Amino acid sequence: MKLGFFKRAALFAVTLAALLSTPAIASHIVDAIAATVDGHVITSSEVEKLVRAKEGDLHSPAHRQMALNSLIDRYLLEAEAEKRGIVVSDARVGEAVATVTKRLSLTVEQLKEELTKRGERWEDYLKEIRYQILLQDLIQSLLKSEYSSTEVAVREFFIRHRDAYTKGKWVKLNHLTISGNERDAATEKIMELISKGASFPSAALDVIGEAPVDTGNMMFDDLAPMVADAVGSLSSGEISAPVPLGETIHLFEVIEQGGGSTTYEEVADTVRLDFERDGVQEVLKEWLEARKDDASIELR
């Protein structure tokens, strides 16, 4: 028997209502699109799920934006890993779980129970472990494609952060203050004796009856500008030109000095450790920024 138009329309409406009353189908149909990345859809429910996982505020635009940015980054990274043929086996995930349980002194079942108490699903936990392993494999792949060797990458990291490895320059001085009406003649006599081989302390004692004062170690940046200018280019054992200051004249001898610029070889071990902790993340961040410039990203 053929149904009339209105009966067919009513039947369609009832069928649609029944479909929409099914939670899984209804949520899929009405779930809003938060963004598309190269055609890949990121939904609002995915954003909200991540906000909850990070214990954020669903009503905070900043928290939602951070979650969305993370999901965009994750898609681009997973897509790149797939493009490079990077696959994480179940065996490696299992090894990672075994490492975690050993470190926490838990069995797998106990770990599952702990996750359940925190409101986390075991499947999501395994998925996150797989992603972290994938990320490490991708970073190694990026390093190989961006640099001729890991050592080159580490050296470039050092160059970018040279200031962090530069020790403050310090200097230890002998300081002599010459005063009185005959200070010019006394200064000239001291410099003459030194030129003939006398030490700075002995020349000072012979001429004015006073020995220079040992300043101890001082950071170069803490020196008065006139002192820094006088001794900045001197080597250990050298004496400055006379420095007039009011009614006095000052002479400085560099006893010791150190710090200043640092070579890669002096701090190589430290730089390698820092690169493993921070440098690889810089490589990843730089790649992501460049990839985002090329990607088609639409926010809704």
Protein backbone atom coordinates (compact mmCIF):
# COMPACT_ATOMS: atom_id res chain seq x y z
CA MET A 1 0.00 0.00 0.00
CA LYS A 2 1.39 3.40 -0.93
CA LEU A 3 1.68 6.07 1.76
CA GLY A 4 0.39 9.55 1.09
CA PHE A 5 2.74 12.51 1.17
CA PHE A 6 1.74 13.64 4.67
CA LYS A 7 2.00 10.11 6.04
CA ARG A 8 5.46 9.74 4.55
CA ALA A 9 6.49 13.09 6.04
CA ALA A 10 5.16 12.09 9.46
CA LEU A 11 6.99 8.76 9.28
CA PHE A 12 10.24 10.55 8.40
CA ALA A 13 9.79 12.92 11.34
CA VAL A 14 9.23 10.06 13.76
CA THR A 15 12.26 8.19 12.42
CA LEU A 16 14.47 11.27 12.71
CA ALA A 17 13.28 11.90 16.26
CA ALA A 18 14.12 8.32 17.18
CA LEU A 19 17.60 8.67 15.73
CA LEU A 20 18.24 11.92 17.54
CA SER A 21 17.09 10.38 20.81
CA THR A 22 20.05 7.97 20.59
CA PRO A 23 22.86 9.77 22.54
CA ALA A 24 25.77 8.66 20.35
CA ILE A 25 24.04 9.73 17.15
CA ALA A 26 22.57 12.91 18.58
CA SER A 27 25.91 14.13 19.95
CA HIS A 28 27.61 13.41 16.64
CA ILE A 29 25.02 15.37 14.68
CA VAL A 30 24.82 18.43 16.92
CA ASP A 31 28.51 18.58 17.96
CA ALA A 32 29.82 21.98 16.88
CA ILE A 33 32.98 22.36 14.85
CA ALA A 34 35.69 24.25 16.75
CA ALA A 35 38.24 24.29 13.92
CA THR A 36 39.37 22.56 10.76
CA VAL A 37 43.02 21.81 10.03
CA ASP A 38 43.78 20.86 6.45
CA GLY A 39 40.22 19.54 6.27
CA HIS A 40 40.43 17.63 9.55
CA VAL A 41 37.61 18.54 11.93
CA ILE A 42 38.21 19.35 15.60
CA THR A 43 34.92 19.40 17.51
CA SER A 44 33.83 21.42 20.51
CA SER A 45 33.39 18.23 22.52
CA GLU A 46 37.06 17.36 21.91
CA VAL A 47 38.03 20.81 23.18
CA GLU A 48 35.83 20.42 26.26
CA LYS A 49 37.20 16.96 26.97
CA LEU A 50 40.75 18.27 26.97
CA VAL A 51 39.82 21.24 29.17
CA ARG A 52 38.35 18.82 31.70
CA ALA A 53 41.41 16.58 31.50
CA LYS A 54 43.60 19.58 32.29
CA GLU A 55 41.22 20.51 35.12
CA GLY A 56 40.48 23.81 33.43
CA ASP A 57 37.40 26.01 33.38
CA LEU A 58 35.00 25.19 30.57
CA HIS A 59 33.68 28.75 30.71
CA SER A 60 37.13 30.29 30.34
CA PRO A 61 37.85 31.44 26.75
CA ALA A 62 41.57 31.27 27.53
CA HIS A 63 41.38 27.65 28.71
CA ARG A 64 39.30 26.65 25.69
CA GLN A 65 41.75 28.38 23.33
CA MET A 66 44.73 26.63 24.94
CA ALA A 67 42.99 23.29 24.55
CA LEU A 68 42.13 24.03 20.92
CA ASN A 69 45.73 25.04 20.18
CA SER A 70 46.93 21.77 21.72
CA LEU A 71 44.54 19.76 19.55
CA ILE A 72 45.66 21.61 16.43
CA ASP A 73 49.31 20.94 17.30
CA ARG A 74 48.56 17.31 17.99
CA TYR A 75 46.84 16.75 14.67
CA LEU A 76 49.69 18.37 12.73
CA LEU A 77 52.25 16.27 14.59
CA GLU A 78 50.36 13.02 14.15
CA ALA A 79 49.81 13.78 10.47
CA GLU A 80 53.53 14.44 10.00
CA ALA A 81 54.41 11.22 11.81
CA GLU A 82 52.08 9.29 9.53
CA LYS A 83 53.61 11.00 6.50
CA ARG A 84 57.06 9.91 7.67
CA GLY A 85 55.89 6.34 8.26
CA ILE A 86 56.32 6.48 12.03
CA VAL A 87 54.27 3.81 13.79
CA VAL A 88 54.32 2.91 17.49
CA SER A 89 53.79 -0.80 18.08
CA ASP A 90 51.68 -2.27 20.88
CA ALA A 91 54.86 -3.87 22.22
CA ARG A 92 56.49 -0.47 22.79
CA VAL A 93 53.37 0.81 24.53
CA GLY A 94 53.46 -2.28 26.73
CA GLU A 95 57.12 -1.66 27.56
CA ALA A 96 56.30 1.92 28.53
CA VAL A 97 53.47 0.75 30.79
CA ALA A 98 55.82 -1.78 32.41
CA THR A 99 58.32 1.00 33.07
CA VAL A 100 55.63 3.13 34.71
CA THR A 101 54.30 0.34 36.91
CA LYS A 102 57.83 -0.59 38.00
CA ARG A 103 58.66 3.00 38.89
CA LEU A 104 55.42 3.37 40.87
CA SER A 105 55.67 -0.12 42.40
CA LEU A 106 52.20 -1.01 41.09
CA THR A 107 50.71 -3.86 39.10
CA VAL A 108 48.87 -3.08 35.89
CA GLU A 109 45.56 -3.71 37.64
CA GLN A 110 46.50 -1.34 40.46
CA LEU A 111 47.46 1.30 37.89
CA LYS A 112 44.08 0.89 36.21
CA GLU A 113 42.37 1.32 39.58
CA GLU A 114 44.30 4.51 40.26
CA LEU A 115 43.34 5.90 36.87
CA THR A 116 39.70 5.03 37.48
CA LYS A 117 39.79 6.90 40.78
CA ARG A 118 41.03 9.95 38.89
CA GLY A 119 38.27 9.61 36.33
CA GLU A 120 40.58 8.50 33.52
CA ARG A 121 39.88 5.69 31.08
CA TRP A 122 42.53 3.02 30.53
CA GLU A 123 42.10 3.32 26.77
CA ASP A 124 42.77 7.06 26.91
CA TYR A 125 45.85 6.47 29.07
CA LEU A 126 47.29 4.00 26.55
CA LYS A 127 46.47 6.39 23.73
CA GLU A 128 48.40 9.17 25.46
CA ILE A 129 51.41 6.90 26.06
CA ARG A 130 51.38 5.92 22.38
CA TYR A 131 51.27 9.59 21.42
CA GLN A 132 54.21 10.50 23.66
CA ILE A 133 56.32 7.72 22.13
CA LEU A 134 55.24 8.86 18.67
CA LEU A 135 56.29 12.39 19.55
CA GLN A 136 59.77 11.31 20.60
CA ASP A 137 60.19 9.31 17.39
CA LEU A 138 59.02 12.31 15.36
CA ILE A 139 61.47 14.62 17.11
CA GLN A 140 64.35 12.29 16.22
CA SER A 141 63.13 12.19 12.64
CA LEU A 142 62.92 15.99 12.51
CA LEU A 143 66.44 16.31 13.89
CA LYS A 144 67.77 14.01 11.18
CA SER A 145 66.04 15.98 8.45
CA GLU A 146 66.90 19.44 9.83
CA TYR A 147 70.52 18.82 10.87
CA SER A 148 73.39 16.80 9.45
CA SER A 149 73.95 15.30 12.92
CA THR A 150 72.76 15.61 16.51
CA GLU A 151 76.10 17.18 17.40
CA VAL A 152 75.46 19.98 14.91
CA ALA A 153 72.04 20.55 16.48
CA VAL A 154 73.59 20.71 19.96
CA ARG A 155 76.23 23.20 18.82
CA GLU A 156 73.59 25.45 17.25
CA PHE A 157 71.62 25.25 20.50
CA PHE A 158 74.76 26.47 22.31
CA ILE A 159 75.16 29.38 19.89
CA ARG A 160 71.53 30.45 20.39
CA HIS A 161 71.94 30.32 24.18
CA ARG A 162 75.59 31.32 24.54
CA ASP A 163 74.77 33.95 27.17
CA ALA A 164 73.37 31.25 29.48
CA TYR A 165 76.76 29.51 29.48
CA THR A 166 78.90 32.63 29.81
CA LYS A 167 80.39 32.99 33.26
CA GLY A 168 80.56 36.49 34.66
CA LYS A 169 83.97 38.05 34.07
CA TRP A 170 85.88 38.72 37.29
CA VAL A 171 89.17 40.37 38.14
CA LYS A 172 91.49 40.62 41.13
CA LEU A 173 93.50 43.84 41.39
CA ASN A 174 96.28 45.55 43.31
CA HIS A 175 95.09 49.13 43.83
CA LEU A 176 97.37 52.02 44.74
CA THR A 177 96.15 55.54 45.60
CA ILE A 178 98.73 58.31 45.25
CA SER A 179 97.94 61.69 46.79
CA GLY A 180 99.72 64.89 47.80
CA ASN A 181 101.31 67.72 45.89
CA GLU A 182 104.02 65.43 44.49
CA ARG A 183 101.60 62.79 43.23
CA ASP A 184 102.49 63.33 39.55
CA ALA A 185 106.23 62.96 40.21
CA ALA A 186 105.62 59.96 42.50
CA THR A 187 103.51 58.24 39.90
CA GLU A 188 106.17 58.80 37.24
CA LYS A 189 108.88 57.41 39.53
CA ILE A 190 106.83 54.28 40.37
CA MET A 191 106.20 53.59 36.67
CA GLU A 192 109.94 54.10 35.95
CA LEU A 193 110.96 51.55 38.61
CA ILE A 194 108.45 49.04 37.26
CA SER A 195 109.82 49.49 33.74
CA LYS A 196 113.24 48.59 35.13
CA GLY A 197 111.97 45.31 36.58
CA ALA A 198 110.68 46.23 40.03
CA SER A 199 107.42 44.72 41.18
CA PHE A 200 104.44 46.98 41.66
CA PRO A 201 104.33 46.53 45.47
CA SER A 202 108.06 47.14 45.94
CA ALA A 203 108.06 50.20 43.67
CA ALA A 204 105.14 51.67 45.60
CA LEU A 205 106.87 51.04 48.95
CA ASP A 206 110.12 52.60 47.72
CA VAL A 207 108.46 55.78 46.42
CA ILE A 208 105.54 56.55 48.76
CA GLY A 209 106.07 54.07 51.59
CA GLU A 210 102.74 52.35 51.03
CA ALA A 211 101.89 49.02 49.38
CA PRO A 212 98.96 48.61 46.99
CA VAL A 213 95.76 47.08 48.36
CA ASP A 214 94.56 43.65 47.18
CA THR A 215 90.92 44.16 46.16
CA GLY A 216 90.02 40.47 46.13
CA ASN A 217 87.90 39.03 43.35
CA MET A 218 85.43 41.51 41.89
CA MET A 219 82.86 41.02 39.15
CA PHE A 220 83.86 43.09 36.16
CA ASP A 221 80.33 44.49 35.83
CA ASP A 222 80.60 45.88 39.37
CA LEU A 223 83.70 47.97 38.66
CA ALA A 224 83.44 51.73 38.37
CA PRO A 225 83.50 52.72 34.68
CA MET A 226 86.89 54.44 35.00
CA VAL A 227 88.40 51.31 36.56
CA ALA A 228 86.81 49.01 34.02
CA ASP A 229 88.19 51.16 31.20
CA ALA A 230 91.65 51.16 32.78
CA VAL A 231 91.98 47.41 33.31
CA GLY A 232 89.59 45.95 30.73
CA SER A 233 92.23 45.23 28.11
CA LEU A 234 95.03 44.23 30.49
CA SER A 235 96.39 40.75 30.97
CA SER A 236 97.33 39.28 34.33
CA GLY A 237 100.51 40.96 35.66
CA GLU A 238 100.04 44.17 33.68
CA ILE A 239 99.61 47.62 35.25
CA SER A 240 97.17 50.28 34.13
CA ALA A 241 97.98 53.76 32.97
CA PRO A 242 97.58 56.36 35.74
CA VAL A 243 93.92 57.20 36.45
CA PRO A 244 93.49 60.78 37.77
CA LEU A 245 90.53 61.32 40.10
CA GLY A 246 90.22 64.67 41.85
CA GLU A 247 93.24 65.21 44.09
CA THR A 248 94.48 61.63 43.67
CA ILE A 249 96.02 59.33 41.06
CA HIS A 250 95.22 55.61 40.94
CA LEU A 251 97.22 52.70 39.59
CA PHE A 252 95.87 49.17 39.15
CA GLU A 253 97.71 45.90 38.64
CA VAL A 254 95.74 42.88 37.36
CA ILE A 255 96.63 39.97 39.64
CA GLU A 256 94.15 37.42 38.26
CA GLN A 257 91.08 37.37 36.06
CA GLY A 258 88.64 34.83 34.71
CA GLY A 259 85.18 34.17 33.35
CA GLY A 260 83.98 35.96 30.27
CA SER A 261 83.22 34.18 27.03
CA THR A 262 82.91 30.38 27.18
CA THR A 263 83.78 27.95 24.42
CA TYR A 264 81.51 25.05 23.49
CA GLU A 265 84.18 22.55 24.48
CA GLU A 266 84.28 23.92 28.05
CA VAL A 267 80.56 23.25 28.62
CA ALA A 268 79.78 20.55 26.06
CA ASP A 269 78.46 17.99 28.55
CA THR A 270 76.11 20.51 30.15
CA VAL A 271 74.90 21.75 26.77
CA ARG A 272 74.09 18.21 25.62
CA LEU A 273 71.98 17.61 28.73
CA ASP A 274 70.21 20.95 28.27
CA PHE A 275 69.57 20.14 24.61
CA GLU A 276 67.97 16.82 25.51
CA ARG A 277 65.68 18.62 27.95
CA ASP A 278 64.97 21.91 26.18
CA GLY A 279 66.62 21.92 22.76
CA VAL A 280 64.49 19.17 21.22
CA GLN A 281 61.38 21.09 22.29
CA GLU A 282 62.74 24.16 20.52
CA VAL A 283 63.20 22.12 17.34
CA LEU A 284 59.62 20.87 17.65
CA LYS A 285 58.27 24.36 18.32
CA GLU A 286 60.08 25.85 15.33
CA TRP A 287 58.79 23.08 13.08
CA LEU A 288 55.23 23.57 14.33
CA GLU A 289 55.33 27.33 13.75
CA ALA A 290 56.51 26.80 10.18
CA ARG A 291 53.95 24.04 9.59
CA LYS A 292 51.11 26.21 10.88
CA ASP A 293 52.07 28.91 8.38
CA ASP A 294 51.58 26.38 5.57
CA ALA A 295 48.51 24.63 6.98
CA SER A 296 44.93 25.59 6.20
CA ILE A 297 43.53 26.33 9.67
CA GLU A 298 40.01 27.70 10.09
CA LEU A 299 38.67 28.59 13.54
CA ARG A 300 34.90 28.56 13.98
